[in-house]
């Protein structure tokens, strides 16, 4: 419940412009692999197969690392 409240408060801060994003160049393959490794135990428990089709060498993306990681984990 506390995590949900913190996420709502964080979203409100982003919408109000109070949060400063730290935009940097990120390789998608690395952050996706990290997120998959974090959720892999949960995925395995549910007998779900997730395949990472992002290949190394894919162009960089510009994003806030922690925010992008949070979004990807939520999606997974």
PDB file of N, CA and C in Angstrom:
ATOM      1  N   UNK A   1       0.821  -1.186   0.000  1.00  0.00           N
ATOM      2  CA  UNK A   1       0.000   0.000   0.000  1.00  0.00           C
ATOM      3  C   UNK A   1       0.872   1.259   0.000  1.00  0.00           C
ATOM      4  N   UNK A   2       1.962   1.198   0.781  1.00  0.00           N
ATOM      5  CA  UNK A   2       2.877   2.333   0.851  1.00  0.00           C
ATOM      6  C   UNK A   2       3.512   2.609  -0.509  1.00  0.00           C
ATOM      7  N   UNK A   3       3.865   1.545  -1.241  1.00  0.00           N
ATOM      8  CA  UNK A   3       4.434   1.723  -2.582  1.00  0.00           C
ATOM      9  C   UNK A   3       3.443   2.419  -3.509  1.00  0.00           C
ATOM     10  N   UNK A   4       2.188   2.042  -3.428  1.00  0.00           N
ATOM     11  CA  UNK A   4       1.162   2.658  -4.269  1.00  0.00           C
ATOM     12  C   UNK A   4       1.025   4.151  -3.946  1.00  0.00           C
ATOM     13  N   UNK A   5       1.023   4.476  -2.672  1.00  0.00           N
ATOM     14  CA  UNK A   5       0.931   5.886  -2.267  1.00  0.00           C
ATOM     15  C   UNK A   5       2.134   6.668  -2.760  1.00  0.00           C
ATOM     16  N   UNK A   6       3.325   6.083  -2.628  1.00  0.00           N
ATOM     17  CA  UNK A   6       4.536   6.759  -3.105  1.00  0.00           C
ATOM     18  C   UNK A   6       4.509   6.966  -4.607  1.00  0.00           C
ATOM     19  N   UNK A   7       3.990   5.995  -5.349  1.00  0.00           N
ATOM     20  CA  UNK A   7       3.896   6.142  -6.808  1.00  0.00           C
ATOM     21  C   UNK A   7       2.939   7.256  -7.185  1.00  0.00           C
ATOM     22  N   UNK A   8       1.810   7.353  -6.498  1.00  0.00           N
ATOM     23  CA  UNK A   8       0.845   8.419  -6.778  1.00  0.00           C
ATOM     24  C   UNK A   8       1.452   9.778  -6.455  1.00  0.00           C
ATOM     25  N   UNK A   9       2.141   9.876  -5.324  1.00  0.00           N
ATOM     26  CA  UNK A   9       2.789  11.140  -4.961  1.00  0.00           C
ATOM     27  C   UNK A   9       3.881  11.502  -5.960  1.00  0.00           C
ATOM     28  N   UNK A  10       4.632  10.502  -6.392  1.00  0.00           N
ATOM     29  CA  UNK A  10       5.690  10.744  -7.369  1.00  0.00           C
ATOM     30  C   UNK A  10       5.104  11.230  -8.681  1.00  0.00           C
ATOM     31  N   UNK A  11       4.023  10.619  -9.116  1.00  0.00           N
ATOM     32  CA  UNK A  11       3.359  11.037 -10.348  1.00  0.00           C
ATOM     33  C   UNK A  11       2.858  12.472 -10.231  1.00  0.00           C
ATOM     34  N   UNK A  12       2.309  12.822  -9.076  1.00  0.00           N
ATOM     35  CA  UNK A  12       1.831  14.193  -8.858  1.00  0.00           C
ATOM     36  C   UNK A  12       2.988  15.185  -8.931  1.00  0.00           C
ATOM     37  N   UNK A  13       4.156  14.798  -8.389  1.00  0.00           N
ATOM     38  CA  UNK A  13       5.324  15.687  -8.456  1.00  0.00           C
ATOM     39  C   UNK A  13       5.795  15.859  -9.891  1.00  0.00           C
ATOM     40  N   UNK A  14       5.770  14.796 -10.683  1.00  0.00           N
ATOM     41  CA  UNK A  14       6.174  14.886 -12.090  1.00  0.00           C
ATOM     42  C   UNK A  14       5.232  15.809 -12.838  1.00  0.00           C
ATOM     43  N   UNK A  15       3.929  15.623 -12.633  1.00  0.00           N
ATOM     44  CA  UNK A  15       2.937  16.440 -13.335  1.00  0.00           C
ATOM     45  C   UNK A  15       3.018  17.916 -12.949  1.00  0.00           C
ATOM     46  N   UNK A  16       3.409  18.190 -11.717  1.00  0.00           N
ATOM     47  CA  UNK A  16       3.490  19.583 -11.273  1.00  0.00           C
ATOM     48  C   UNK A  16       4.828  20.229 -11.620  1.00  0.00           C
ATOM     49  N   UNK A  17       5.741  19.439 -12.178  1.00  0.00           N
ATOM     50  CA  UNK A  17       7.037  19.971 -12.568  1.00  0.00           C
ATOM     51  C   UNK A  17       8.046  20.040 -11.443  1.00  0.00           C
ATOM     52  N   UNK A  18       7.742  19.429 -10.312  1.00  0.00           N
ATOM     53  CA  UNK A  18       8.638  19.465  -9.159  1.00  0.00           C
ATOM     54  C   UNK A  18       9.783  18.458  -9.255  1.00  0.00           C
ATOM     55  N   UNK A  19       9.652  17.470 -10.124  1.00  0.00           N
ATOM     56  CA  UNK A  19      10.684  16.434 -10.254  1.00  0.00           C
ATOM     57  C   UNK A  19      11.579  16.784 -11.424  1.00  0.00           C
ATOM     58  N   UNK A  20      12.859  16.769 -11.167  1.00  0.00           N
ATOM     59  CA  UNK A  20      13.825  17.012 -12.233  1.00  0.00           C
ATOM     60  C   UNK A  20      14.229  15.669 -12.822  1.00  0.00           C
ATOM     61  N   UNK A  21      14.027  15.518 -14.101  1.00  0.00           N
ATOM     62  CA  UNK A  21      14.427  14.296 -14.778  1.00  0.00           C
ATOM     63  C   UNK A  21      15.907  14.374 -15.122  1.00  0.00           C
ATOM     64  N   UNK A  22      16.593  13.264 -14.996  1.00  0.00           N
ATOM     65  CA  UNK A  22      18.012  13.200 -15.331  1.00  0.00           C
ATOM     66  C   UNK A  22      18.130  12.447 -16.661  1.00  0.00           C
ATOM     67  N   UNK A  23      18.007  13.170 -17.746  1.00  0.00           N
ATOM     68  CA  UNK A  23      18.025  12.578 -19.073  1.00  0.00           C
ATOM     69  C   UNK A  23      19.463  12.219 -19.439  1.00  0.00           C
ATOM     70  N   UNK A  24      19.636  10.976 -19.870  1.00  0.00           N
ATOM     71  CA  UNK A  24      20.946  10.490 -20.293  1.00  0.00           C
ATOM     72  C   UNK A  24      20.758   9.503 -21.444  1.00  0.00           C
ATOM     73  N   UNK A  25      21.838   9.178 -22.105  1.00  0.00           N
ATOM     74  CA  UNK A  25      21.770   8.190 -23.182  1.00  0.00           C
ATOM     75  C   UNK A  25      21.878   6.794 -22.568  1.00  0.00           C
ATOM     76  N   UNK A  26      20.945   5.927 -22.941  1.00  0.00           N
ATOM     77  CA  UNK A  26      20.846   4.589 -22.363  1.00  0.00           C
ATOM     78  C   UNK A  26      20.741   3.572 -23.496  1.00  0.00           C
ATOM     79  N   UNK A  27      21.457   2.458 -23.344  1.00  0.00           N
ATOM     80  CA  UNK A  27      21.298   1.356 -24.284  1.00  0.00           C
ATOM     81  C   UNK A  27      20.092   0.535 -23.855  1.00  0.00           C
ATOM     82  N   UNK A  28      19.061   0.450 -24.684  1.00  0.00           N
ATOM     83  CA  UNK A  28      17.852  -0.287 -24.307  1.00  0.00           C
ATOM     84  C   UNK A  28      18.126  -1.744 -23.936  1.00  0.00           C
ATOM     85  N   UNK A  29      19.047  -2.386 -24.628  1.00  0.00           N
ATOM     86  CA  UNK A  29      19.303  -3.804 -24.371  1.00  0.00           C
ATOM     87  C   UNK A  29      19.751  -4.026 -22.925  1.00  0.00           C
ATOM     88  N   UNK A  30      20.519  -3.098 -22.378  1.00  0.00           N
ATOM     89  CA  UNK A  30      21.028  -3.252 -21.015  1.00  0.00           C
ATOM     90  C   UNK A  30      19.937  -3.076 -19.970  1.00  0.00           C
ATOM     91  N   UNK A  31      19.118  -2.047 -20.108  1.00  0.00           N
ATOM     92  CA  UNK A  31      18.084  -1.804 -19.103  1.00  0.00           C
ATOM     93  C   UNK A  31      16.986  -2.867 -19.183  1.00  0.00           C
ATOM     94  N   UNK A  32      16.688  -3.331 -20.384  1.00  0.00           N
ATOM     95  CA  UNK A  32      15.678  -4.386 -20.530  1.00  0.00           C
ATOM     96  C   UNK A  32      16.178  -5.680 -19.893  1.00  0.00           C
ATOM     97  N   UNK A  33      17.435  -6.023 -20.118  1.00  0.00           N
ATOM     98  CA  UNK A  33      18.006  -7.228 -19.501  1.00  0.00           C
ATOM     99  C   UNK A  33      17.987  -7.118 -17.981  1.00  0.00           C
ATOM    100  N   UNK A  34      18.306  -5.950 -17.459  1.00  0.00           N
ATOM    101  CA  UNK A  34      18.291  -5.751 -16.006  1.00  0.00           C
ATOM    102  C   UNK A  34      16.882  -5.918 -15.436  1.00  0.00           C
ATOM    103  N   UNK A  35      15.913  -5.336 -16.113  1.00  0.00           N
ATOM    104  CA  UNK A  35      14.525  -5.448 -15.653  1.00  0.00           C
ATOM    105  C   UNK A  35      14.028  -6.893 -15.718  1.00  0.00           C
ATOM    106  N   UNK A  36      14.371  -7.576 -16.791  1.00  0.00           N
ATOM    107  CA  UNK A  36      13.968  -8.978 -16.904  1.00  0.00           C
ATOM    108  C   UNK A  36      14.589  -9.830 -15.802  1.00  0.00           C
ATOM    109  N   UNK A  37      15.828  -9.554 -15.455  1.00  0.00           N
ATOM    110  CA  UNK A  37      16.462 -10.341 -14.396  1.00  0.00           C
ATOM    111  C   UNK A  37      15.799 -10.075 -13.040  1.00  0.00           C
ATOM    112  N   UNK A  38      15.301  -8.866 -12.836  1.00  0.00           N
ATOM    113  CA  UNK A  38      14.624  -8.545 -11.585  1.00  0.00           C
ATOM    114  C   UNK A  38      13.281  -9.256 -11.442  1.00  0.00           C
ATOM    115  N   UNK A  39      12.559  -9.387 -12.540  1.00  0.00           N
ATOM    116  CA  UNK A  39      11.224  -9.994 -12.473  1.00  0.00           C
ATOM    117  C   UNK A  39      11.211 -11.468 -12.866  1.00  0.00           C
ATOM    118  N   UNK A  40      12.348 -12.012 -13.260  1.00  0.00           N
ATOM    119  CA  UNK A  40      12.371 -13.406 -13.723  1.00  0.00           C
ATOM    120  C   UNK A  40      11.861 -14.408 -12.690  1.00  0.00           C
ATOM    121  N   UNK A  41      12.119 -14.244 -11.392  1.00  0.00           N
ATOM    122  CA  UNK A  41      11.537 -15.200 -10.437  1.00  0.00           C
ATOM    123  C   UNK A  41      10.001 -15.188 -10.442  1.00  0.00           C
ATOM    124  N   UNK A  42       9.430 -14.000 -10.556  1.00  0.00           N
ATOM    125  CA  UNK A  42       7.965 -13.904 -10.612  1.00  0.00           C
ATOM    126  C   UNK A  42       7.420 -14.493 -11.899  1.00  0.00           C
ATOM    127  N   UNK A  43       8.121 -14.262 -12.995  1.00  0.00           N
ATOM    128  CA  UNK A  43       7.706 -14.801 -14.290  1.00  0.00           C
ATOM    129  C   UNK A  43       7.745 -16.322 -14.256  1.00  0.00           C
ATOM    130  N   UNK A  44       8.801 -16.867 -13.675  1.00  0.00           N
ATOM    131  CA  UNK A  44       8.960 -18.326 -13.605  1.00  0.00           C
ATOM    132  C   UNK A  44       7.860 -18.955 -12.755  1.00  0.00           C
ATOM    133  N   UNK A  45       7.473 -18.313 -11.665  1.00  0.00           N
ATOM    134  CA  UNK A  45       6.410 -18.837 -10.806  1.00  0.00           C
ATOM    135  C   UNK A  45       5.085 -18.968 -11.541  1.00  0.00           C
ATOM    136  N   UNK A  46       4.859 -18.090 -12.486  1.00  0.00           N
ATOM    137  CA  UNK A  46       3.588 -18.070 -13.231  1.00  0.00           C
ATOM    138  C   UNK A  46       3.655 -18.885 -14.522  1.00  0.00           C
ATOM    139  N   UNK A  47       4.794 -19.542 -14.751  1.00  0.00           N
ATOM    140  CA  UNK A  47       4.997 -20.325 -15.974  1.00  0.00           C
ATOM    141  C   UNK A  47       4.784 -19.491 -17.236  1.00  0.00           C
ATOM    142  N   UNK A  48       5.300 -18.279 -17.198  1.00  0.00           N
ATOM    143  CA  UNK A  48       5.215 -17.366 -18.340  1.00  0.00           C
ATOM    144  C   UNK A  48       6.582 -17.317 -19.006  1.00  0.00           C
ATOM    145  N   UNK A  49       6.584 -17.246 -20.318  1.00  0.00           N
ATOM    146  CA  UNK A  49       7.833 -17.132 -21.062  1.00  0.00           C
ATOM    147  C   UNK A  49       7.908 -15.718 -21.640  1.00  0.00           C
ATOM    148  N   UNK A  50       8.990 -15.017 -21.316  1.00  0.00           N
ATOM    149  CA  UNK A  50       9.233 -13.682 -21.860  1.00  0.00           C
ATOM    150  C   UNK A  50      10.545 -13.748 -22.610  1.00  0.00           C
ATOM    151  N   UNK A  51      10.506 -13.329 -23.852  1.00  0.00           N
ATOM    152  CA  UNK A  51      11.703 -13.375 -24.688  1.00  0.00           C
ATOM    153  C   UNK A  51      12.152 -11.954 -24.999  1.00  0.00           C
ATOM    154  N   UNK A  52      13.411 -11.692 -24.767  1.00  0.00           N
ATOM    155  CA  UNK A  52      13.991 -10.383 -25.058  1.00  0.00           C
ATOM    156  C   UNK A  52      14.475 -10.374 -26.508  1.00  0.00           C
ATOM    157  N   UNK A  53      13.775  -9.658 -27.358  1.00  0.00           N
ATOM    158  CA  UNK A  53      14.120  -9.606 -28.774  1.00  0.00           C
ATOM    159  C   UNK A  53      14.943  -8.376 -29.148  1.00  0.00           C
ATOM    160  N   UNK A  54      15.269  -7.556 -28.168  1.00  0.00           N
ATOM    161  CA  UNK A  54      16.092  -6.374 -28.429  1.00  0.00           C
ATOM    162  C   UNK A  54      17.535  -6.830 -28.561  1.00  0.00           C
ATOM    163  N   UNK A  55      18.150  -6.474 -29.659  1.00  0.00           N
ATOM    164  CA  UNK A  55      19.510  -6.916 -29.950  1.00  0.00           C
ATOM    165  C   UNK A  55      20.532  -5.868 -29.532  1.00  0.00           C
ATOM    166  N   UNK A  56      21.710  -6.337 -29.182  1.00  0.00           N
ATOM    167  CA  UNK A  56      22.806  -5.423 -28.851  1.00  0.00           C
ATOM    168  C   UNK A  56      23.103  -4.569 -30.074  1.00  0.00           C
ATOM    169  N   UNK A  57      23.514  -3.359 -29.829  1.00  0.00           N
ATOM    170  CA  UNK A  57      23.832  -2.459 -30.924  1.00  0.00           C
ATOM    171  C   UNK A  57      22.663  -1.595 -31.358  1.00  0.00           C
ATOM    172  N   UNK A  58      21.494  -1.801 -30.733  1.00  0.00           N
ATOM    173  CA  UNK A  58      20.356  -0.949 -31.040  1.00  0.00           C
ATOM    174  C   UNK A  58      20.703   0.459 -30.561  1.00  0.00           C
ATOM    175  N   UNK A  59      20.257   1.433 -31.296  1.00  0.00           N
ATOM    176  CA  UNK A  59      20.595   2.826 -30.995  1.00  0.00           C
ATOM    177  C   UNK A  59      20.288   3.196 -29.548  1.00  0.00           C
ATOM    178  N   UNK A  60      20.987   4.185 -29.082  1.00  0.00           N
ATOM    179  CA  UNK A  60      20.748   4.711 -27.740  1.00  0.00           C
ATOM    180  C   UNK A  60      19.396   5.403 -27.671  1.00  0.00           C
ATOM    181  N   UNK A  61      18.827   5.422 -26.473  1.00  0.00           N
ATOM    182  CA  UNK A  61      17.635   6.224 -26.230  1.00  0.00           C
ATOM    183  C   UNK A  61      18.003   7.260 -25.185  1.00  0.00           C
ATOM    184  N   UNK A  62      17.311   8.379 -25.204  1.00  0.00           N
ATOM    185  CA  UNK A  62      17.534   9.414 -24.197  1.00  0.00           C
ATOM    186  C   UNK A  62      16.366   9.361 -23.235  1.00  0.00           C
ATOM    187  N   UNK A  63      16.678   9.071 -21.957  1.00  0.00           N
ATOM    188  CA  UNK A  63      15.632   8.936 -20.951  1.00  0.00           C
ATOM    189  C   UNK A  63      16.217   9.078 -19.558  1.00  0.00           C
ATOM    190  N   UNK A  64      15.352   9.217 -18.581  1.00  0.00           N
ATOM    191  CA  UNK A  64      15.748   9.166 -17.180  1.00  0.00           C
ATOM    192  C   UNK A  64      15.839   7.684 -16.818  1.00  0.00           C
ATOM    193  N   UNK A  65      17.020   7.232 -16.452  1.00  0.00           N
ATOM    194  CA  UNK A  65      17.278   5.811 -16.230  1.00  0.00           C
ATOM    195  C   UNK A  65      16.308   5.193 -15.224  1.00  0.00           C
ATOM    196  N   UNK A  66      16.183   5.809 -14.064  1.00  0.00           N
ATOM    197  CA  UNK A  66      15.335   5.233 -13.013  1.00  0.00           C
ATOM    198  C   UNK A  66      13.864   5.244 -13.404  1.00  0.00           C
ATOM    199  N   UNK A  67      13.417   6.299 -14.058  1.00  0.00           N
ATOM    200  CA  UNK A  67      12.002   6.366 -14.476  1.00  0.00           C
ATOM    201  C   UNK A  67      11.718   5.314 -15.544  1.00  0.00           C
ATOM    202  N   UNK A  68      12.628   5.163 -16.508  1.00  0.00           N
ATOM    203  CA  UNK A  68      12.441   4.165 -17.552  1.00  0.00           C
ATOM    204  C   UNK A  68      12.446   2.760 -16.957  1.00  0.00           C
ATOM    205  N   UNK A  69      13.353   2.525 -16.038  1.00  0.00           N
ATOM    206  CA  UNK A  69      13.417   1.216 -15.380  1.00  0.00           C
ATOM    207  C   UNK A  69      12.112   0.926 -14.641  1.00  0.00           C
ATOM    208  N   UNK A  70      11.595   1.916 -13.955  1.00  0.00           N
ATOM    209  CA  UNK A  70      10.334   1.766 -13.225  1.00  0.00           C
ATOM    210  C   UNK A  70       9.184   1.428 -14.179  1.00  0.00           C
ATOM    211  N   UNK A  71       9.118   2.122 -15.296  1.00  0.00           N
ATOM    212  CA  UNK A  71       8.066   1.877 -16.290  1.00  0.00           C
ATOM    213  C   UNK A  71       8.164   0.447 -16.831  1.00  0.00           C
ATOM    214  N   UNK A  72       9.374   0.030 -17.195  1.00  0.00           N
ATOM    215  CA  UNK A  72       9.552  -1.309 -17.752  1.00  0.00           C
ATOM    216  C   UNK A  72       9.193  -2.408 -16.751  1.00  0.00           C
ATOM    217  N   UNK A  73       9.594  -2.231 -15.507  1.00  0.00           N
ATOM    218  CA  UNK A  73       9.254  -3.223 -14.484  1.00  0.00           C
ATOM    219  C   UNK A  73       7.748  -3.289 -14.295  1.00  0.00           C
ATOM    220  N   UNK A  74       7.085  -2.148 -14.281  1.00  0.00           N
ATOM    221  CA  UNK A  74       5.621  -2.141 -14.154  1.00  0.00           C
ATOM    222  C   UNK A  74       4.970  -2.854 -15.339  1.00  0.00           C
ATOM    223  N   UNK A  75       5.489  -2.639 -16.532  1.00  0.00           N
ATOM    224  CA  UNK A  75       4.928  -3.302 -17.708  1.00  0.00           C
ATOM    225  C   UNK A  75       5.125  -4.818 -17.645  1.00  0.00           C
ATOM    226  N   UNK A  76       6.306  -5.219 -17.199  1.00  0.00           N
ATOM    227  CA  UNK A  76       6.569  -6.659 -17.096  1.00  0.00           C
ATOM    228  C   UNK A  76       5.708  -7.281 -16.014  1.00  0.00           C
TER     229      UNK A  76
END
